Amino acid sequence: MIRKLKSGEYRLYSRKKDPRTNKRKNLGTFDSLDAAKKHERDVQYFKRH
């Protein structure tokens, strides 16, 4: 899940909520939406390989 921050950056959050904290994990902050999308694809790849 990618959200735009007030600062204009994009933050990548985990798809599922953490059961202990009931929040999503921060998986990185990026300057552009394209960079965030690329990292999300990388994360999904490594989850399965």
N, C-alpha and C. Protein backbone atom coordinates (compact mmCIF):
# COMPACT_ATOMS: atom_id res chain seq x y z
N MET A 1 0.85 -1.16 0.00
CA MET A 1 0.00 0.00 0.00
C MET A 1 0.91 1.24 0.00
N ILE A 2 0.66 2.13 -0.95
CA ILE A 2 1.48 3.34 -1.05
C ILE A 2 0.60 4.54 -0.70
N ARG A 3 1.12 5.39 0.18
CA ARG A 3 0.39 6.60 0.56
C ARG A 3 1.28 7.81 0.32
N LYS A 4 0.66 8.92 -0.09
CA LYS A 4 1.42 10.16 -0.28
C LYS A 4 1.42 10.92 1.04
N LEU A 5 2.61 11.38 1.44
CA LEU A 5 2.75 12.13 2.69
C LEU A 5 2.61 13.62 2.43
N LYS A 6 2.38 14.38 3.48
CA LYS A 6 2.26 15.83 3.34
C LYS A 6 3.52 16.47 2.78
N SER A 7 4.66 15.82 3.04
CA SER A 7 5.94 16.33 2.56
C SER A 7 6.11 16.14 1.05
N GLY A 8 5.19 15.39 0.42
CA GLY A 8 5.27 15.14 -1.01
C GLY A 8 5.94 13.83 -1.35
N GLU A 9 6.45 13.13 -0.33
CA GLU A 9 7.08 11.83 -0.56
C GLU A 9 6.02 10.74 -0.51
N TYR A 10 6.43 9.56 -0.92
CA TYR A 10 5.53 8.40 -0.92
C TYR A 10 6.07 7.35 0.02
N ARG A 11 5.18 6.77 0.82
CA ARG A 11 5.60 5.75 1.78
C ARG A 11 4.91 4.44 1.45
N LEU A 12 5.72 3.38 1.50
CA LEU A 12 5.23 2.03 1.24
C LEU A 12 4.93 1.35 2.57
N TYR A 13 3.70 0.88 2.72
CA TYR A 13 3.27 0.16 3.92
C TYR A 13 2.96 -1.28 3.54
N SER A 14 3.04 -2.17 4.53
CA SER A 14 2.70 -3.57 4.29
C SER A 14 1.21 -3.68 3.96
N ARG A 15 0.86 -4.74 3.27
CA ARG A 15 -0.54 -4.93 2.87
C ARG A 15 -1.42 -5.31 4.05
N LYS A 16 -0.85 -6.12 4.96
CA LYS A 16 -1.63 -6.57 6.12
C LYS A 16 -1.20 -5.80 7.36
N LYS A 17 -2.12 -5.67 8.29
CA LYS A 17 -1.80 -5.02 9.57
C LYS A 17 -1.05 -5.99 10.47
N ASP A 18 -0.13 -5.47 11.26
CA ASP A 18 0.60 -6.25 12.25
C ASP A 18 -0.39 -6.59 13.37
N PRO A 19 -0.58 -7.87 13.68
CA PRO A 19 -1.57 -8.23 14.70
C PRO A 19 -1.26 -7.68 16.09
N ARG A 20 0.05 -7.47 16.39
CA ARG A 20 0.40 -6.97 17.73
C ARG A 20 0.10 -5.48 17.88
N THR A 21 0.45 -4.70 16.86
CA THR A 21 0.29 -3.25 16.98
C THR A 21 -0.97 -2.75 16.29
N ASN A 22 -1.57 -3.60 15.44
CA ASN A 22 -2.75 -3.25 14.66
C ASN A 22 -2.47 -2.10 13.69
N LYS A 23 -1.19 -1.97 13.29
CA LYS A 23 -0.79 -0.95 12.31
C LYS A 23 -0.04 -1.63 11.18
N ARG A 24 0.14 -0.91 10.09
CA ARG A 24 0.90 -1.44 8.96
C ARG A 24 2.38 -1.10 9.13
N LYS A 25 3.25 -2.02 8.69
CA LYS A 25 4.69 -1.77 8.80
C LYS A 25 5.12 -0.77 7.73
N ASN A 26 6.03 0.12 8.09
CA ASN A 26 6.62 1.06 7.15
C ASN A 26 7.73 0.31 6.39
N LEU A 27 7.57 0.20 5.08
CA LEU A 27 8.55 -0.53 4.27
C LEU A 27 9.44 0.41 3.47
N GLY A 28 9.40 1.69 3.77
CA GLY A 28 10.30 2.62 3.10
C GLY A 28 9.59 3.87 2.62
N THR A 29 10.36 4.94 2.50
CA THR A 29 9.86 6.23 2.02
C THR A 29 10.64 6.60 0.77
N PHE A 30 9.92 7.06 -0.25
CA PHE A 30 10.53 7.31 -1.55
C PHE A 30 10.12 8.68 -2.08
N ASP A 31 11.00 9.27 -2.92
CA ASP A 31 10.74 10.59 -3.47
C ASP A 31 9.68 10.56 -4.57
N SER A 32 9.59 9.45 -5.31
CA SER A 32 8.65 9.39 -6.42
C SER A 32 7.75 8.17 -6.30
N LEU A 33 6.59 8.27 -6.92
CA LEU A 33 5.64 7.16 -6.92
C LEU A 33 6.22 5.97 -7.68
N ASP A 34 6.95 6.23 -8.76
CA ASP A 34 7.55 5.15 -9.54
C ASP A 34 8.56 4.36 -8.70
N ALA A 35 9.36 5.06 -7.89
CA ALA A 35 10.33 4.39 -7.04
C ALA A 35 9.63 3.52 -6.00
N ALA A 36 8.52 4.02 -5.45
CA ALA A 36 7.77 3.25 -4.46
C ALA A 36 7.15 2.01 -5.10
N LYS A 37 6.62 2.15 -6.30
CA LYS A 37 6.02 1.01 -6.99
C LYS A 37 7.08 -0.04 -7.31
N LYS A 38 8.25 0.40 -7.73
CA LYS A 38 9.33 -0.54 -8.04
C LYS A 38 9.74 -1.32 -6.80
N HIS A 39 9.85 -0.62 -5.67
CA HIS A 39 10.24 -1.30 -4.44
C HIS A 39 9.15 -2.28 -4.01
N GLU A 40 7.88 -1.91 -4.20
CA GLU A 40 6.80 -2.82 -3.84
C GLU A 40 6.88 -4.11 -4.66
N ARG A 41 7.19 -3.98 -5.95
CA ARG A 41 7.36 -5.18 -6.80
C ARG A 41 8.53 -6.02 -6.30
N ASP A 42 9.63 -5.36 -5.92
CA ASP A 42 10.79 -6.09 -5.40
C ASP A 42 10.43 -6.84 -4.13
N VAL A 43 9.68 -6.20 -3.24
CA VAL A 43 9.28 -6.84 -1.97
C VAL A 43 8.42 -8.07 -2.26
N GLN A 44 7.45 -7.94 -3.16
CA GLN A 44 6.58 -9.06 -3.48
C GLN A 44 7.38 -10.22 -4.10
N TYR A 45 8.37 -9.89 -4.93
CA TYR A 45 9.22 -10.92 -5.53
C TYR A 45 9.97 -11.70 -4.46
N PHE A 46 10.63 -10.98 -3.53
CA PHE A 46 11.44 -11.66 -2.53
C PHE A 46 10.61 -12.39 -1.49
N LYS A 47 9.34 -12.03 -1.34
CA LYS A 47 8.49 -12.77 -0.42
C LYS A 47 8.25 -14.19 -0.94
N ARG A 48 8.40 -14.38 -2.27
CA ARG A 48 8.07 -15.66 -2.86
C ARG A 48 9.27 -16.42 -3.39
N HIS A 49 10.49 -15.86 -3.23
CA HIS A 49 11.70 -16.53 -3.75
C HIS A 49 12.76 -16.65 -2.69
